[in-house]
Amino acid sequence: MGKISFAMLLILIIQIISIVNMLFINGLGALTIILYSFVTAPLGLLFGISGIVKESGRSLIVPWVTTIVSVILLALFLITLFGFSFGD
């Protein structure tokens, strides 16, 4: 599960880079958050928590980081979806 958590962590990092990139280019970072975070954040939580349960020792670092990044992206998704006002 550690390898799957690492792959998911790479996907989440690529997503964060694309969100930051879109925010600096044209302000459509909110659209990127809404389109992709609802899929990647729960998958990251699933693989991160299962990696925490299965792994032991020093290999626990990657699943913990994956879980933390997934929680941050899920919170960002919920804040953007329910707390952000688009044009009002």
PDB file of N, CA and C in Angstrom:
ATOM      1  N   MET A   1       0.811  -1.198   0.000  1.00  0.00           N
ATOM      2  CA  MET A   1       0.000   0.000   0.000  1.00  0.00           C
ATOM      3  C   MET A   1       0.855   1.262   0.000  1.00  0.00           C
ATOM      4  N   GLY A   2       2.102   1.140   0.398  1.00  0.00           N
ATOM      5  CA  GLY A   2       2.968   2.310   0.416  1.00  0.00           C
ATOM      6  C   GLY A   2       3.253   2.839  -0.976  1.00  0.00           C
ATOM      7  N   LYS A   3       3.378   1.923  -1.952  1.00  0.00           N
ATOM      8  CA  LYS A   3       3.626   2.349  -3.330  1.00  0.00           C
ATOM      9  C   LYS A   3       2.398   3.024  -3.922  1.00  0.00           C
ATOM     10  N   ILE A   4       1.221   2.516  -3.594  1.00  0.00           N
ATOM     11  CA  ILE A   4      -0.009   3.139  -4.081  1.00  0.00           C
ATOM     12  C   ILE A   4      -0.188   4.504  -3.417  1.00  0.00           C
ATOM     13  N   SER A   5       0.149   4.610  -2.140  1.00  0.00           N
ATOM     14  CA  SER A   5       0.076   5.902  -1.450  1.00  0.00           C
ATOM     15  C   SER A   5       1.044   6.898  -2.066  1.00  0.00           C
ATOM     16  N   PHE A   6       2.225   6.421  -2.449  1.00  0.00           N
ATOM     17  CA  PHE A   6       3.200   7.300  -3.091  1.00  0.00           C
ATOM     18  C   PHE A   6       2.699   7.763  -4.452  1.00  0.00           C
ATOM     19  N   ALA A   7       2.106   6.863  -5.225  1.00  0.00           N
ATOM     20  CA  ALA A   7       1.548   7.245  -6.524  1.00  0.00           C
ATOM     21  C   ALA A   7       0.418   8.259  -6.348  1.00  0.00           C
ATOM     22  N   MET A   8      -0.420   8.043  -5.344  1.00  0.00           N
ATOM     23  CA  MET A   8      -1.515   8.981  -5.082  1.00  0.00           C
ATOM     24  C   MET A   8      -0.965  10.321  -4.616  1.00  0.00           C
ATOM     25  N   LEU A   9       0.107  10.306  -3.831  1.00  0.00           N
ATOM     26  CA  LEU A   9       0.737  11.547  -3.390  1.00  0.00           C
ATOM     27  C   LEU A   9       1.276  12.328  -4.585  1.00  0.00           C
ATOM     28  N   LEU A  10       1.864  11.642  -5.550  1.00  0.00           N
ATOM     29  CA  LEU A  10       2.341  12.318  -6.757  1.00  0.00           C
ATOM     30  C   LEU A  10       1.183  12.951  -7.523  1.00  0.00           C
ATOM     31  N   ILE A  11       0.064  12.244  -7.625  1.00  0.00           N
ATOM     32  CA  ILE A  11      -1.115  12.797  -8.305  1.00  0.00           C
ATOM     33  C   ILE A  11      -1.620  14.034  -7.573  1.00  0.00           C
ATOM     34  N   LEU A  12      -1.657  13.983  -6.245  1.00  0.00           N
ATOM     35  CA  LEU A  12      -2.119  15.132  -5.462  1.00  0.00           C
ATOM     36  C   LEU A  12      -1.176  16.324  -5.602  1.00  0.00           C
ATOM     37  N   ILE A  13       0.124  16.066  -5.654  1.00  0.00           N
ATOM     38  CA  ILE A  13       1.091  17.153  -5.825  1.00  0.00           C
ATOM     39  C   ILE A  13       0.950  17.777  -7.205  1.00  0.00           C
ATOM     40  N   ILE A  14       0.743  16.953  -8.234  1.00  0.00           N
ATOM     41  CA  ILE A  14       0.507  17.483  -9.579  1.00  0.00           C
ATOM     42  C   ILE A  14      -0.757  18.331  -9.595  1.00  0.00           C
ATOM     43  N   GLN A  15      -1.775  17.896  -8.884  1.00  0.00           N
ATOM     44  CA  GLN A  15      -3.011  18.671  -8.807  1.00  0.00           C
ATOM     45  C   GLN A  15      -2.784  20.007  -8.110  1.00  0.00           C
ATOM     46  N   ILE A  16      -2.031  20.021  -7.031  1.00  0.00           N
ATOM     47  CA  ILE A  16      -1.742  21.275  -6.326  1.00  0.00           C
ATOM     48  C   ILE A  16      -0.955  22.222  -7.225  1.00  0.00           C
ATOM     49  N   ILE A  17       0.008  21.688  -7.966  1.00  0.00           N
ATOM     50  CA  ILE A  17       0.784  22.516  -8.895  1.00  0.00           C
ATOM     51  C   ILE A  17      -0.117  23.097  -9.974  1.00  0.00           C
ATOM     52  N   SER A  18      -1.047  22.299 -10.492  1.00  0.00           N
ATOM     53  CA  SER A  18      -1.948  22.818 -11.527  1.00  0.00           C
ATOM     54  C   SER A  18      -2.907  23.861 -10.962  1.00  0.00           C
ATOM     55  N   ILE A  19      -3.349  23.698  -9.715  1.00  0.00           N
ATOM     56  CA  ILE A  19      -4.220  24.704  -9.090  1.00  0.00           C
ATOM     57  C   ILE A  19      -3.475  26.026  -8.940  1.00  0.00           C
ATOM     58  N   VAL A  20      -2.256  25.971  -8.431  1.00  0.00           N
ATOM     59  CA  VAL A  20      -1.466  27.193  -8.258  1.00  0.00           C
ATOM     60  C   VAL A  20      -1.172  27.826  -9.611  1.00  0.00           C
ATOM     61  N   ASN A  21      -0.857  27.011 -10.601  1.00  0.00           N
ATOM     62  CA  ASN A  21      -0.581  27.506 -11.944  1.00  0.00           C
ATOM     63  C   ASN A  21      -1.809  28.204 -12.525  1.00  0.00           C
ATOM     64  N   MET A  22      -2.981  27.601 -12.389  1.00  0.00           N
ATOM     65  CA  MET A  22      -4.205  28.204 -12.913  1.00  0.00           C
ATOM     66  C   MET A  22      -4.561  29.489 -12.170  1.00  0.00           C
ATOM     67  N   LEU A  23      -4.291  29.558 -10.887  1.00  0.00           N
ATOM     68  CA  LEU A  23      -4.573  30.784 -10.139  1.00  0.00           C
ATOM     69  C   LEU A  23      -3.703  31.939 -10.614  1.00  0.00           C
ATOM     70  N   PHE A  24      -2.451  31.661 -10.973  1.00  0.00           N
ATOM     71  CA  PHE A  24      -1.573  32.724 -11.427  1.00  0.00           C
ATOM     72  C   PHE A  24      -1.802  33.092 -12.887  1.00  0.00           C
ATOM     73  N   ILE A  25      -2.284  32.170 -13.698  1.00  0.00           N
ATOM     74  CA  ILE A  25      -2.490  32.469 -15.114  1.00  0.00           C
ATOM     75  C   ILE A  25      -3.785  33.237 -15.335  1.00  0.00           C
ATOM     76  N   ASN A  26      -4.921  32.666 -14.919  1.00  0.00           N
ATOM     77  CA  ASN A  26      -6.187  33.311 -15.258  1.00  0.00           C
ATOM     78  C   ASN A  26      -7.251  33.209 -14.171  1.00  0.00           C
ATOM     79  N   GLY A  27      -6.928  32.790 -13.013  1.00  0.00           N
ATOM     80  CA  GLY A  27      -7.896  32.774 -11.929  1.00  0.00           C
ATOM     81  C   GLY A  27      -8.887  31.639 -11.964  1.00  0.00           C
ATOM     82  N   LEU A  28      -8.663  30.625 -12.767  1.00  0.00           N
ATOM     83  CA  LEU A  28      -9.581  29.498 -12.832  1.00  0.00           C
ATOM     84  C   LEU A  28      -9.158  28.348 -11.926  1.00  0.00           C
ATOM     85  N   GLY A  29      -8.419  28.660 -10.889  1.00  0.00           N
ATOM     86  CA  GLY A  29      -8.014  27.632  -9.938  1.00  0.00           C
ATOM     87  C   GLY A  29      -9.196  27.036  -9.210  1.00  0.00           C
ATOM     88  N   ALA A  30     -10.228  27.849  -8.974  1.00  0.00           N
ATOM     89  CA  ALA A  30     -11.433  27.338  -8.308  1.00  0.00           C
ATOM     90  C   ALA A  30     -12.105  26.274  -9.161  1.00  0.00           C
ATOM     91  N   LEU A  31     -12.110  26.474 -10.463  1.00  0.00           N
ATOM     92  CA  LEU A  31     -12.691  25.477 -11.363  1.00  0.00           C
ATOM     93  C   LEU A  31     -11.886  24.182 -11.328  1.00  0.00           C
ATOM     94  N   THR A  32     -10.572  24.299 -11.272  1.00  0.00           N
ATOM     95  CA  THR A  32      -9.718  23.116 -11.175  1.00  0.00           C
ATOM     96  C   THR A  32      -9.967  22.373  -9.868  1.00  0.00           C
ATOM     97  N   ILE A  33     -10.149  23.115  -8.782  1.00  0.00           N
ATOM     98  CA  ILE A  33     -10.427  22.490  -7.484  1.00  0.00           C
ATOM     99  C   ILE A  33     -11.743  21.725  -7.535  1.00  0.00           C
ATOM    100  N   ILE A  34     -12.771  22.351  -8.089  1.00  0.00           N
ATOM    101  CA  ILE A  34     -14.092  21.723  -8.120  1.00  0.00           C
ATOM    102  C   ILE A  34     -14.117  20.518  -9.053  1.00  0.00           C
ATOM    103  N   LEU A  35     -13.409  20.587 -10.177  1.00  0.00           N
ATOM    104  CA  LEU A  35     -13.454  19.492 -11.148  1.00  0.00           C
ATOM    105  C   LEU A  35     -12.701  18.247 -10.698  1.00  0.00           C
ATOM    106  N   TYR A  36     -11.574  18.410 -10.017  1.00  0.00           N
ATOM    107  CA  TYR A  36     -10.714  17.266  -9.758  1.00  0.00           C
ATOM    108  C   TYR A  36     -10.622  16.842  -8.297  1.00  0.00           C
ATOM    109  N   SER A  37     -10.800  17.750  -7.359  1.00  0.00           N
ATOM    110  CA  SER A  37     -10.589  17.410  -5.951  1.00  0.00           C
ATOM    111  C   SER A  37     -11.629  16.453  -5.395  1.00  0.00           C
ATOM    112  N   PHE A  38     -12.835  16.471  -5.944  1.00  0.00           N
ATOM    113  CA  PHE A  38     -13.859  15.582  -5.394  1.00  0.00           C
ATOM    114  C   PHE A  38     -13.559  14.117  -5.704  1.00  0.00           C
ATOM    115  N   VAL A  39     -12.678  13.854  -6.654  1.00  0.00           N
ATOM    116  CA  VAL A  39     -12.279  12.477  -6.963  1.00  0.00           C
ATOM    117  C   VAL A  39     -10.958  12.132  -6.288  1.00  0.00           C
ATOM    118  N   THR A  40      -9.978  13.011  -6.404  1.00  0.00           N
ATOM    119  CA  THR A  40      -8.640  12.678  -5.923  1.00  0.00           C
ATOM    120  C   THR A  40      -8.510  12.728  -4.404  1.00  0.00           C
ATOM    121  N   ALA A  41      -9.204  13.650  -3.749  1.00  0.00           N
ATOM    122  CA  ALA A  41      -9.074  13.761  -2.290  1.00  0.00           C
ATOM    123  C   ALA A  41      -9.619  12.529  -1.559  1.00  0.00           C
ATOM    124  N   PRO A  42     -10.826  12.034  -1.869  1.00  0.00           N
ATOM    125  CA  PRO A  42     -11.269  10.803  -1.194  1.00  0.00           C
ATOM    126  C   PRO A  42     -10.411   9.583  -1.526  1.00  0.00           C
ATOM    127  N   LEU A  43      -9.923   9.504  -2.766  1.00  0.00           N
ATOM    128  CA  LEU A  43      -9.027   8.391  -3.101  1.00  0.00           C
ATOM    129  C   LEU A  43      -7.726   8.486  -2.308  1.00  0.00           C
ATOM    130  N   GLY A  44      -7.205   9.699  -2.160  1.00  0.00           N
ATOM    131  CA  GLY A  44      -6.006   9.889  -1.349  1.00  0.00           C
ATOM    132  C   GLY A  44      -6.234   9.517   0.102  1.00  0.00           C
ATOM    133  N   LEU A  45      -7.406   9.872   0.629  1.00  0.00           N
ATOM    134  CA  LEU A  45      -7.746   9.462   1.998  1.00  0.00           C
ATOM    135  C   LEU A  45      -7.821   7.946   2.111  1.00  0.00           C
ATOM    136  N   LEU A  46      -8.458   7.315   1.153  1.00  0.00           N
ATOM    137  CA  LEU A  46      -8.602   5.859   1.172  1.00  0.00           C
ATOM    138  C   LEU A  46      -7.245   5.165   1.130  1.00  0.00           C
ATOM    139  N   PHE A  47      -6.402   5.552   0.177  1.00  0.00           N
ATOM    140  CA  PHE A  47      -5.093   4.913   0.060  1.00  0.00           C
ATOM    141  C   PHE A  47      -4.165   5.304   1.200  1.00  0.00           C
ATOM    142  N   GLY A  48      -4.270   6.531   1.692  1.00  0.00           N
ATOM    143  CA  GLY A  48      -3.436   6.963   2.809  1.00  0.00           C
ATOM    144  C   GLY A  48      -3.764   6.228   4.092  1.00  0.00           C
ATOM    145  N   ILE A  49      -5.048   6.123   4.411  1.00  0.00           N
ATOM    146  CA  ILE A  49      -5.446   5.428   5.645  1.00  0.00           C
ATOM    147  C   ILE A  49      -5.157   3.937   5.550  1.00  0.00           C
ATOM    148  N   SER A  50      -5.408   3.339   4.388  1.00  0.00           N
ATOM    149  CA  SER A  50      -5.084   1.913   4.250  1.00  0.00           C
ATOM    150  C   SER A  50      -3.576   1.686   4.303  1.00  0.00           C
ATOM    151  N   GLY A  51      -2.785   2.640   3.807  1.00  0.00           N
ATOM    152  CA  GLY A  51      -1.335   2.537   3.928  1.00  0.00           C
ATOM    153  C   GLY A  51      -0.866   2.670   5.362  1.00  0.00           C
ATOM    154  N   ILE A  52      -1.524   3.530   6.138  1.00  0.00           N
ATOM    155  CA  ILE A  52      -1.182   3.674   7.557  1.00  0.00           C
ATOM    156  C   ILE A  52      -1.472   2.379   8.301  1.00  0.00           C
ATOM    157  N   VAL A  53      -2.577   1.729   7.962  1.00  0.00           N
ATOM    158  CA  VAL A  53      -2.944   0.478   8.633  1.00  0.00           C
ATOM    159  C   VAL A  53      -1.985  -0.647   8.252  1.00  0.00           C
ATOM    160  N   LYS A  54      -1.603  -0.738   6.986  1.00  0.00           N
ATOM    161  CA  LYS A  54      -0.796  -1.867   6.505  1.00  0.00           C
ATOM    162  C   LYS A  54       0.703  -1.709   6.761  1.00  0.00           C
ATOM    163  N   GLU A  55       1.223  -0.490   6.683  1.00  0.00           N
ATOM    164  CA  GLU A  55       2.664  -0.280   6.769  1.00  0.00           C
ATOM    165  C   GLU A  55       3.116  -0.162   8.222  1.00  0.00           C
ATOM    166  N   SER A  56       4.441  -0.253   8.403  1.00  0.00           N
ATOM    167  CA  SER A  56       5.024  -0.067   9.732  1.00  0.00           C
ATOM    168  C   SER A  56       6.426   0.512   9.579  1.00  0.00           C
ATOM    169  N   GLY A  57       6.912   1.140  10.625  1.00  0.00           N
ATOM    170  CA  GLY A  57       8.268   1.676  10.624  1.00  0.00           C
ATOM    171  C   GLY A  57       8.382   2.981   9.861  1.00  0.00           C
ATOM    172  N   ARG A  58       9.514   3.129   9.157  1.00  0.00           N
ATOM    173  CA  ARG A  58       9.784   4.358   8.421  1.00  0.00           C
ATOM    174  C   ARG A  58       8.911   4.507   7.187  1.00  0.00           C
ATOM    175  N   SER A  59       8.299   3.438   6.741  1.00  0.00           N
ATOM    176  CA  SER A  59       7.467   3.517   5.541  1.00  0.00           C
ATOM    177  C   SER A  59       6.106   4.148   5.812  1.00  0.00           C
ATOM    178  N   LEU A  60       5.862   4.573   7.054  1.00  0.00           N
ATOM    179  CA  LEU A  60       4.604   5.240   7.392  1.00  0.00           C
ATOM    180  C   LEU A  60       4.578   6.708   6.983  1.00  0.00           C
ATOM    181  N   ILE A  61       5.722   7.265   6.612  1.00  0.00           N
ATOM    182  CA  ILE A  61       5.792   8.691   6.296  1.00  0.00           C
ATOM    183  C   ILE A  61       4.940   9.024   5.078  1.00  0.00           C
ATOM    184  N   VAL A  62       5.063   8.253   4.015  1.00  0.00           N
ATOM    185  CA  VAL A  62       4.328   8.536   2.777  1.00  0.00           C
ATOM    186  C   VAL A  62       2.816   8.428   2.970  1.00  0.00           C
ATOM    187  N   PRO A  63       2.281   7.384   3.611  1.00  0.00           N
ATOM    188  CA  PRO A  63       0.826   7.368   3.820  1.00  0.00           C
ATOM    189  C   PRO A  63       0.315   8.512   4.694  1.00  0.00           C
ATOM    190  N   TRP A  64       1.089   8.920   5.697  1.00  0.00           N
ATOM    191  CA  TRP A  64       0.664  10.048   6.528  1.00  0.00           C
ATOM    192  C   TRP A  64       0.627  11.335   5.720  1.00  0.00           C
ATOM    193  N   VAL A  65       1.658  11.572   4.908  1.00  0.00           N
ATOM    194  CA  VAL A  65       1.684  12.783   4.081  1.00  0.00           C
ATOM    195  C   VAL A  65       0.546  12.756   3.069  1.00  0.00           C
ATOM    196  N   THR A  66       0.284  11.588   2.482  1.00  0.00           N
ATOM    197  CA  THR A  66      -0.827  11.453   1.539  1.00  0.00           C
ATOM    198  C   THR A  66      -2.154  11.767   2.213  1.00  0.00           C
ATOM    199  N   THR A  67      -2.348  11.271   3.411  1.00  0.00           N
ATOM    200  CA  THR A  67      -3.589  11.534   4.138  1.00  0.00           C
ATOM    201  C   THR A  67      -3.734  13.011   4.479  1.00  0.00           C
ATOM    202  N   ILE A  68      -2.665  13.639   4.921  1.00  0.00           N
ATOM    203  CA  ILE A  68      -2.719  15.057   5.289  1.00  0.00           C
ATOM    204  C   ILE A  68      -3.012  15.929   4.072  1.00  0.00           C
ATOM    205  N   VAL A  69      -2.332  15.664   2.955  1.00  0.00           N
ATOM    206  CA  VAL A  69      -2.572  16.440   1.733  1.00  0.00           C
ATOM    207  C   VAL A  69      -3.997  16.215   1.232  1.00  0.00           C
ATOM    208  N   SER A  70      -4.497  14.998   1.348  1.00  0.00           N
ATOM    209  CA  SER A  70      -5.871  14.710   0.925  1.00  0.00           C
ATOM    210  C   SER A  70      -6.890  15.448   1.779  1.00  0.00           C
ATOM    211  N   VAL A  71      -6.651  15.508   3.083  1.00  0.00           N
ATOM    212  CA  VAL A  71      -7.565  16.241   3.970  1.00  0.00           C
ATOM    213  C   VAL A  71      -7.555  17.727   3.622  1.00  0.00           C
ATOM    214  N   ILE A  72      -6.378  18.270   3.344  1.00  0.00           N
ATOM    215  CA  ILE A  72      -6.283  19.686   2.973  1.00  0.00           C
ATOM    216  C   ILE A  72      -7.027  19.950   1.669  1.00  0.00           C
ATOM    217  N   LEU A  73      -6.843  19.088   0.673  1.00  0.00           N
ATOM    218  CA  LEU A  73      -7.542  19.272  -0.598  1.00  0.00           C
ATOM    219  C   LEU A  73      -9.045  19.080  -0.457  1.00  0.00           C
ATOM    220  N   LEU A  74      -9.474  18.143   0.382  1.00  0.00           N
ATOM    221  CA  LEU A  74     -10.902  17.952   0.605  1.00  0.00           C
ATOM    222  C   LEU A  74     -11.505  19.173   1.303  1.00  0.00           C
ATOM    223  N   ALA A  75     -10.793  19.724   2.273  1.00  0.00           N
ATOM    224  CA  ALA A  75     -11.274  20.942   2.938  1.00  0.00           C
ATOM    225  C   ALA A  75     -11.318  22.111   1.961  1.00  0.00           C
ATOM    226  N   LEU A  76     -10.307  22.224   1.113  1.00  0.00           N
ATOM    227  CA  LEU A  76     -10.287  23.280   0.102  1.00  0.00           C
ATOM    228  C   LEU A  76     -11.439  23.120  -0.883  1.00  0.00           C
ATOM    229  N   PHE A  77     -11.744  21.883  -1.256  1.00  0.00           N
ATOM    230  CA  PHE A  77     -12.880  21.614  -2.141  1.00  0.00           C
ATOM    231  C   PHE A  77     -14.193  22.037  -1.491  1.00  0.00           C
ATOM    232  N   LEU A  78     -14.395  21.653  -0.233  1.00  0.00           N
ATOM    233  CA  LEU A  78     -15.646  21.991   0.447  1.00  0.00           C
ATOM    234  C   LEU A  78     -15.781  23.496   0.675  1.00  0.00           C
ATOM    235  N   ILE A  79     -14.682  24.155   1.005  1.00  0.00           N
ATOM    236  CA  ILE A  79     -14.716  25.610   1.177  1.00  0.00           C
ATOM    237  C   ILE A  79     -15.016  26.292  -0.149  1.00  0.00           C
ATOM    238  N   THR A  80     -14.399  25.814  -1.225  1.00  0.00           N
ATOM    239  CA  THR A  80     -14.641  26.411  -2.534  1.00  0.00           C
ATOM    240  C   THR A  80     -16.062  26.160  -3.007  1.00  0.00           C
ATOM    241  N   LEU A  81     -16.567  24.969  -2.785  1.00  0.00           N
ATOM    242  CA  LEU A  81     -17.894  24.627  -3.277  1.00  0.00           C
ATOM    243  C   LEU A  81     -19.000  25.310  -2.485  1.00  0.00           C
ATOM    244  N   PHE A  82     -18.896  25.312  -1.164  1.00  0.00           N
ATOM    245  CA  PHE A  82     -19.989  25.822  -0.346  1.00  0.00           C
ATOM    246  C   PHE A  82     -19.742  27.211   0.246  1.00  0.00           C
ATOM    247  N   GLY A  83     -18.503  27.658   0.302  1.00  0.00           N
ATOM    248  CA  GLY A  83     -18.228  28.922   0.960  1.00  0.00           C
ATOM    249  C   GLY A  83     -17.798  30.048   0.048  1.00  0.00           C
ATOM    250  N   PHE A  84     -17.504  29.745  -1.206  1.00  0.00           N
ATOM    251  CA  PHE A  84     -17.006  30.742  -2.140  1.00  0.00           C
ATOM    252  C   PHE A  84     -18.163  31.268  -2.974  1.00  0.00           C
ATOM    253  N   SER A  85     -18.256  32.565  -3.111  1.00  0.00           N
ATOM    254  CA  SER A  85     -19.339  33.173  -3.881  1.00  0.00           C
ATOM    255  C   SER A  85     -18.827  33.521  -5.274  1.00  0.00           C
ATOM    256  N   PHE A  86     -19.401  32.898  -6.283  1.00  0.00           N
ATOM    257  CA  PHE A  86     -18.995  33.136  -7.658  1.00  0.00           C
ATOM    258  C   PHE A  86     -19.814  34.283  -8.245  1.00  0.00           C
ATOM    259  N   GLY A  87     -19.329  35.499  -8.133  1.00  0.00           N
ATOM    260  CA  GLY A  87     -19.953  36.640  -8.779  1.00  0.00           C
ATOM    261  C   GLY A  87     -21.051  37.338  -8.011  1.00  0.00           C
ATOM    262  N   ASP A  88     -21.332  36.952  -6.809  1.00  0.00           N
ATOM    263  CA  ASP A  88     -22.389  37.636  -6.044  1.00  0.00           C
ATOM    264  C   ASP A  88     -21.813  38.728  -5.189  1.00  0.00           C
TER     265      ASP A  88
END
